[in-house]
Protein backbone atom coordinates (compact mmCIF):
# COMPACT_ATOMS: atom_id res chain seq x y z
CA MET A 1 -127.24 16.12 -10.49
CA ILE A 2 -126.83 19.92 -9.58
CA PRO A 3 -124.23 20.52 -7.10
CA VAL A 4 -125.21 22.19 -3.82
CA LEU A 5 -124.82 25.97 -4.03
CA ALA A 6 -125.19 27.93 -0.79
CA LEU A 7 -127.86 30.68 -1.30
CA GLY A 8 -125.74 33.66 -2.70
CA LEU A 9 -126.75 36.76 -4.35
CA ALA A 10 -124.69 37.54 -7.23
CA SER A 11 -124.96 41.44 -8.38
CA THR A 12 -124.87 41.04 -12.00
CA PRO A 13 -125.04 44.54 -13.87
CA VAL A 14 -126.43 44.92 -17.37
CA GLY A 15 -123.18 46.63 -18.28
CA ALA A 16 -119.72 46.80 -16.77
CA GLN A 17 -119.90 50.54 -16.07
CA SER A 18 -123.11 49.99 -13.93
CA ALA A 19 -121.42 47.71 -11.42
CA PRO A 20 -122.56 49.06 -7.83
CA THR A 21 -119.94 49.99 -5.39
CA ALA A 22 -122.26 49.30 -2.52
CA PRO A 23 -122.35 45.85 -0.87
CA PRO A 24 -124.01 42.99 -2.75
CA LEU A 25 -127.72 43.28 -3.22
CA ALA A 26 -130.01 41.28 -0.68
CA PRO A 27 -133.71 41.27 -1.42
CA VAL A 28 -135.92 41.24 1.66
CA ASP A 29 -137.21 37.57 0.91
CA ALA A 30 -133.87 35.97 0.67
CA GLN A 31 -133.20 33.59 3.79
CA THR A 32 -130.52 31.17 5.02
CA HIS A 33 -131.10 27.54 4.35
CA ARG A 34 -130.03 24.11 6.15
CA GLY A 35 -129.71 22.28 2.79
CA VAL A 36 -130.87 21.71 -0.79
CA VAL A 37 -134.25 20.97 0.60
CA ASP A 38 -135.30 22.11 4.23
CA ASP A 39 -138.99 21.59 3.96
CA THR A 40 -141.48 20.04 1.56
CA TRP A 41 -145.42 20.67 1.63
CA ILE A 42 -147.49 18.23 -0.23
CA ILE A 43 -151.08 19.91 -0.72
CA ALA A 44 -153.72 17.48 -1.77
CA PRO A 45 -157.71 18.05 -2.41
CA ARG A 46 -160.04 16.33 -0.19
CA ARG A 47 -162.14 16.08 -3.16
CA LEU A 48 -161.34 15.21 -6.93
CA ALA A 49 -163.56 15.15 -9.87
CA ASP A 50 -164.56 11.74 -9.14
CA ALA A 51 -162.99 10.68 -5.85
CA THR A 52 -162.83 11.67 -2.00
CA LEU A 53 -159.87 11.44 0.17
CA GLN A 54 -160.41 8.80 2.82
CA ALA A 55 -157.02 8.44 4.54
CA VAL A 56 -153.49 10.03 4.75
CA LYS A 57 -150.28 8.86 6.26
CA ASN A 58 -147.03 10.91 6.76
CA TYR A 59 -144.29 8.27 7.00
CA ALA A 60 -141.97 10.97 8.60
CA ASP A 61 -144.08 10.17 11.71
CA GLU A 62 -142.64 6.67 11.80
CA GLY A 63 -139.08 7.88 11.34
CA ASP A 64 -139.02 7.08 7.51
CA ILE A 65 -138.95 10.46 5.99
CA ALA A 66 -137.64 8.95 2.60
CA ALA A 67 -140.99 7.13 2.10
CA GLY A 68 -142.79 10.48 2.00
CA VAL A 69 -146.55 10.37 2.29
CA SER A 70 -149.54 8.21 1.09
CA LEU A 71 -152.95 9.21 0.28
CA ARG A 72 -156.05 6.86 -0.26
CA TYR A 73 -158.94 7.94 -2.27
CA GLY A 74 -162.29 6.29 -2.67
CA ILE A 75 -163.46 6.35 -6.36
CA ASP A 76 -167.10 7.29 -6.94
CA HIS A 77 -169.19 4.28 -7.98
CA ALA A 78 -166.33 2.04 -7.97
CA GLU A 79 -165.99 1.35 -4.16
CA TRP A 80 -164.39 -2.20 -5.12
CA VAL A 81 -161.21 -0.22 -6.41
CA VAL A 82 -158.53 0.86 -3.98
CA ALA A 83 -156.88 3.96 -5.16
CA ASP A 84 -153.54 4.53 -3.23
CA VAL A 85 -151.11 7.36 -4.02
CA PHE A 86 -147.62 7.59 -2.84
CA ILE A 87 -145.34 10.70 -3.06
CA TYR A 88 -141.80 10.53 -2.02
CA PRO A 89 -138.37 12.17 -2.56
CA ALA A 90 -136.73 11.42 -5.80
CA GLY A 91 -133.92 14.11 -6.52
CA GLN A 92 -133.07 16.01 -9.60
CA GLY A 93 -132.35 14.33 -12.92
CA ASP A 94 -133.78 14.18 -16.42
CA GLU A 95 -137.30 12.73 -16.71
CA PRO A 96 -136.45 9.55 -18.62
CA LYS A 97 -133.65 8.67 -16.13
CA MET A 98 -135.82 9.20 -13.11
CA LEU A 99 -138.67 7.25 -14.53
CA ALA A 100 -136.40 4.33 -15.22
CA GLN A 101 -135.18 4.59 -11.48
CA ALA A 102 -138.82 4.67 -10.30
CA VAL A 103 -139.65 1.68 -12.27
CA GLN A 104 -136.48 -0.16 -10.88
CA ASP A 105 -137.62 0.81 -7.37
CA PHE A 106 -141.02 -0.36 -7.77
CA ARG A 107 -139.98 -3.84 -9.06
CA GLU A 108 -137.57 -4.16 -5.97
CA SER A 109 -140.33 -3.16 -3.55
CA VAL A 110 -142.64 -6.02 -5.13
CA ALA A 111 -139.79 -8.38 -4.77
CA PHE A 112 -139.24 -7.50 -1.26
CA ALA A 113 -142.95 -8.10 -0.67
CA GLU A 114 -142.59 -11.54 -2.23
CA ARG A 115 -139.78 -12.42 0.08
CA GLN A 116 -141.84 -11.20 3.02
CA GLU A 117 -144.59 -13.54 1.53
CA ILE A 118 -146.94 -10.46 1.68
CA TYR A 119 -147.45 -10.97 -2.10
CA ARG A 120 -147.41 -14.47 -3.57
CA ASN A 121 -147.51 -15.72 -7.15
CA VAL A 122 -146.68 -12.40 -8.66
CA TRP A 123 -147.27 -12.06 -12.49
CA TRP A 124 -145.98 -9.08 -14.24
CA GLY A 125 -147.82 -7.62 -17.34
CA ASP A 126 -146.05 -5.46 -19.98
CA GLU A 127 -144.40 -2.24 -18.63
CA ALA A 128 -145.52 0.48 -21.21
CA PRO A 129 -145.34 4.53 -21.33
CA TYR A 130 -148.29 6.30 -20.09
CA THR A 131 -149.23 9.89 -20.52
CA ALA A 132 -151.58 11.69 -18.43
CA LYS A 133 -153.68 14.54 -20.16
CA LEU A 134 -154.13 17.50 -17.82
CA ALA A 135 -156.23 20.64 -18.00
CA GLY A 136 -155.03 23.22 -20.45
CA GLY A 137 -153.60 20.82 -22.90
CA ARG A 138 -150.67 19.83 -20.61
CA LYS A 139 -149.41 16.49 -20.57
CA GLN A 140 -147.26 14.44 -17.98
CA ALA A 141 -145.33 11.50 -19.08
CA GLY A 142 -145.14 8.44 -16.96
CA ARG A 143 -144.68 4.50 -16.82
CA PHE A 144 -147.53 2.00 -16.29
CA LEU A 145 -146.84 -1.38 -14.76
CA PRO A 146 -149.45 -4.06 -14.26
CA ILE A 147 -149.39 -7.01 -11.81
CA VAL A 148 -151.50 -9.95 -10.57
CA PHE A 149 -150.82 -11.39 -7.11
CA ASP A 150 -152.16 -13.33 -4.29
CA SER A 151 -152.46 -11.55 -1.18
CA GLN A 152 -154.54 -12.51 2.02
CA ASN A 153 -156.35 -15.32 0.37
CA ASP A 154 -157.35 -13.18 -2.57
CA MET A 155 -156.11 -12.90 -6.13
CA LEU A 156 -155.57 -9.32 -6.79
CA THR A 157 -154.81 -6.99 -9.83
CA SER A 158 -153.07 -3.82 -9.71
CA ARG A 159 -152.26 -1.10 -12.24
CA THR A 160 -149.32 1.16 -10.96
CA TYR A 161 -148.80 4.39 -12.70
CA LEU A 162 -145.39 6.33 -12.05
CA PHE A 163 -144.65 9.87 -12.54
CA TYR A 164 -141.71 12.35 -11.85
CA ARG A 165 -142.45 15.80 -10.69
CA LYS A 166 -141.01 18.63 -8.81
CA MET A 167 -138.10 16.46 -7.37
CA TYR A 168 -140.55 13.87 -6.28
CA TYR A 169 -142.01 10.66 -7.40
CA VAL A 170 -145.89 10.12 -7.75
CA LYS A 171 -146.89 6.45 -7.53
CA VAL A 172 -150.57 5.72 -8.29
CA ARG A 173 -151.68 2.20 -7.47
CA LEU A 174 -155.21 1.09 -8.53
CA SER A 175 -156.24 -2.39 -6.99
CA THR A 176 -159.11 -4.65 -7.22
CA THR A 177 -159.99 -8.33 -7.34
CA VAL A 178 -159.24 -10.01 -10.72
CA ASP A 179 -162.84 -10.34 -11.73
CA ALA A 180 -163.24 -6.59 -11.65
CA VAL A 181 -159.92 -5.94 -13.62
CA ASP A 182 -161.94 -3.89 -16.44
CA SER A 183 -162.84 -1.19 -13.78
CA LEU A 184 -159.29 -0.38 -13.27
CA SER A 185 -158.63 0.73 -16.73
CA ASP A 186 -162.25 2.27 -16.87
CA ASN A 187 -161.45 4.73 -13.99
CA ALA A 188 -157.74 5.14 -14.27
CA ASP A 189 -157.40 8.20 -16.78
CA ARG A 190 -160.06 10.29 -15.26
CA PHE A 191 -158.80 9.61 -11.71
CA ILE A 192 -155.05 10.22 -12.50
CA ALA A 193 -155.55 13.41 -14.39
CA SER A 194 -157.74 14.82 -11.82
CA LEU A 195 -155.10 13.83 -9.25
CA LEU A 196 -152.07 15.32 -10.89
CA ASP A 197 -154.06 18.57 -11.56
CA GLY A 198 -155.13 18.82 -7.86
CA ILE A 199 -152.05 17.84 -6.02
CA ASP A 200 -149.20 20.42 -5.55
CA ILE A 201 -145.54 19.85 -4.25
CA VAL A 202 -143.58 22.86 -2.90
CA SER A 203 -140.06 22.53 -1.59
CA VAL A 204 -138.16 25.24 0.33
CA GLY A 205 -134.29 25.26 0.55
CA SER A 206 -131.16 26.34 -1.50
CA CYS A 207 -132.61 24.04 -4.33
CA GLY A 208 -129.01 23.52 -5.54
CA ARG A 209 -129.44 26.92 -7.00
CA LYS A 210 -128.12 30.44 -6.78
CA LEU A 211 -130.36 33.30 -6.84
CA ASP A 212 -128.83 36.11 -9.35
CA ILE A 213 -129.68 39.62 -9.18
CA VAL A 214 -129.31 42.02 -12.12
CA ALA A 215 -128.72 45.55 -10.74
CA LEU A 216 -130.49 48.10 -12.85
CA GLU A 217 -129.41 51.86 -12.60
CA PRO A 218 -132.16 54.49 -12.95
CA GLY A 219 -133.31 54.46 -16.64
CA GLN A 220 -131.89 51.07 -17.51
CA SER A 221 -133.99 48.39 -19.02
CA PRO A 222 -133.77 44.80 -18.01
CA PRO A 223 -132.33 42.13 -20.37
CA SER A 224 -134.50 41.00 -23.28
CA ASP A 225 -135.24 37.58 -21.62
CA MET A 226 -136.47 39.30 -18.46
CA ALA A 227 -139.13 41.71 -19.88
CA ASP A 228 -140.96 41.49 -16.52
CA ASP A 229 -137.83 41.79 -14.46
CA VAL A 230 -137.92 37.97 -13.77
CA SER A 231 -136.49 35.08 -15.69
CA ALA A 232 -138.87 32.20 -16.57
CA ASP A 233 -137.41 29.97 -13.65
CA GLY A 234 -137.49 32.96 -11.09
CA TYR A 235 -134.03 32.37 -10.23
CA ARG A 236 -132.77 35.68 -11.92
CA VAL A 237 -134.33 39.02 -11.09
CA ALA A 238 -133.71 42.65 -12.07
CA LEU A 239 -133.91 45.20 -9.20
CA LYS A 240 -133.58 49.00 -9.78
CA THR A 241 -130.90 50.58 -7.55
CA THR A 242 -130.41 54.04 -6.22
CA LYS A 243 -127.51 56.10 -6.89
CA ALA A 244 -125.68 54.45 -3.98
CA GLY A 245 -126.21 51.25 -5.82
CA THR A 246 -128.35 49.76 -3.17
CA PRO A 247 -131.86 48.39 -3.99
CA ALA A 248 -134.73 50.77 -4.46
CA TYR A 249 -137.26 49.07 -2.19
CA GLY A 250 -140.80 49.71 -2.75
CA ALA A 251 -143.99 48.48 -4.42
CA GLN A 252 -142.20 47.54 -7.79
CA THR A 253 -139.44 45.48 -5.88
CA ALA A 254 -142.10 43.71 -3.88
CA LYS A 255 -143.98 42.96 -6.98
CA THR A 256 -140.73 41.58 -8.66
CA MET A 257 -139.89 39.26 -5.75
CA ALA A 258 -143.64 38.08 -5.65
CA LEU A 259 -143.35 37.18 -9.28
CA ALA A 260 -139.85 35.46 -8.65
CA LEU A 261 -141.55 33.29 -5.81
CA LYS A 262 -144.38 32.38 -7.94
CA ARG A 263 -142.03 31.02 -10.71
CA GLN A 264 -139.76 29.20 -8.41
CA VAL A 265 -142.69 27.51 -6.74
CA ALA A 266 -144.02 26.29 -10.08
CA THR A 267 -140.67 24.67 -10.64
CA GLY A 268 -141.14 22.85 -7.28
CA CYS A 269 -138.48 24.29 -5.21
CA THR A 270 -137.84 27.94 -3.94
CA SER A 271 -135.19 29.69 -2.04
CA LEU A 272 -137.35 32.63 -1.03
CA GLN A 273 -139.94 33.01 1.80
CA TYR A 274 -142.84 30.71 1.29
CA ASN A 275 -145.98 30.61 3.32
CA PRO A 276 -147.79 27.35 3.01
CA PRO A 277 -151.57 27.15 3.07
CA LEU A 278 -153.34 25.90 5.85
CA GLU A 279 -155.21 22.67 5.99
CA ASP A 280 -159.00 22.90 5.75
CA ASP A 281 -162.05 21.43 4.53
CA ASN A 282 -161.01 21.44 0.98
CA ARG A 283 -157.39 20.31 1.17
CA THR A 284 -154.94 18.35 3.47
CA VAL A 285 -151.46 19.74 3.88
CA LEU A 286 -148.67 17.28 4.71
CA HIS A 287 -145.26 18.53 5.91
CA LEU A 288 -141.78 17.05 5.55
CA GLN A 289 -138.84 18.41 7.45
CA PHE A 290 -135.31 17.44 6.43
CA GLY A 291 -132.07 17.68 8.10
CA PRO A 292 -129.11 19.40 6.39
CA ASP A 293 -127.63 16.17 4.94
CA ASP A 294 -130.91 14.32 4.13
CA TRP A 295 -130.59 15.22 0.48
CA GLY A 296 -126.84 14.45 0.43
CA SER A 297 -124.32 16.75 -1.32
CA SER A 298 -126.68 17.08 -4.35
CA ALA A 299 -130.38 17.37 -5.01
CA HIS A 300 -130.81 13.75 -4.35
CA PRO A 301 -132.20 12.28 -0.92
CA ALA A 302 -129.46 10.15 0.94
CA ASN A 303 -130.39 6.48 1.25
């Protein structure tokens, strides 16, 4: 886990002789945060390559913010398949460990449904690794768990796919009657790839990170790993300073901070100013707002 760090702006000159004597640098986009994650926006397309969004639910509206949100899609030419997607807080950790936790949580949720007699006669198939093949040759590792169970006088079969991305779990469940079981595997790969390509998760907060500023005197070049003045993760930026050691605000500084924001957003969490997209005919935008202690003392949601 990454310990919580209040957003700070550390002035880190390239050379000791260039340390500014003015107050610490403070880029115009910096802001104060309540906690590790203040807000999360889940942006989901209404139309995928082979499916249409039919229903959404934000569990925060019922006081259960830890449950996140759910989406239900209808798959083209397979109306007998129920495609449910659940996106909920996970925390920070290495992918194998987080996926193992997701599997454990899912098994416990099914066991709870059994105790409540929502599911009966549950049969578990073999758990297996699953890799979603995304656009541009990218891949997303996950886990696959099949089950068969009785529910509401029907015998159903369900294939659940679990993924960990951007501090959240994405759980995809495809369900149908047992006599149509082949249709689940026939539709799974395309639907999951389209879904993961289409959904974005953006959190805003301290992110358990500290934004570092490299102060460049006139004529100095940025470090070799920041050729465009921004580190790969967006949490280290190089700003040119005036003779007084204060940031030389202007078009270049604005461009640098915009690039830092873009790269932080790509990791799933930004400490900079983020303007979420508006909901429209092409996408739904679900908002989760957290209290200062909801994610605990590290980047992991409190239970």
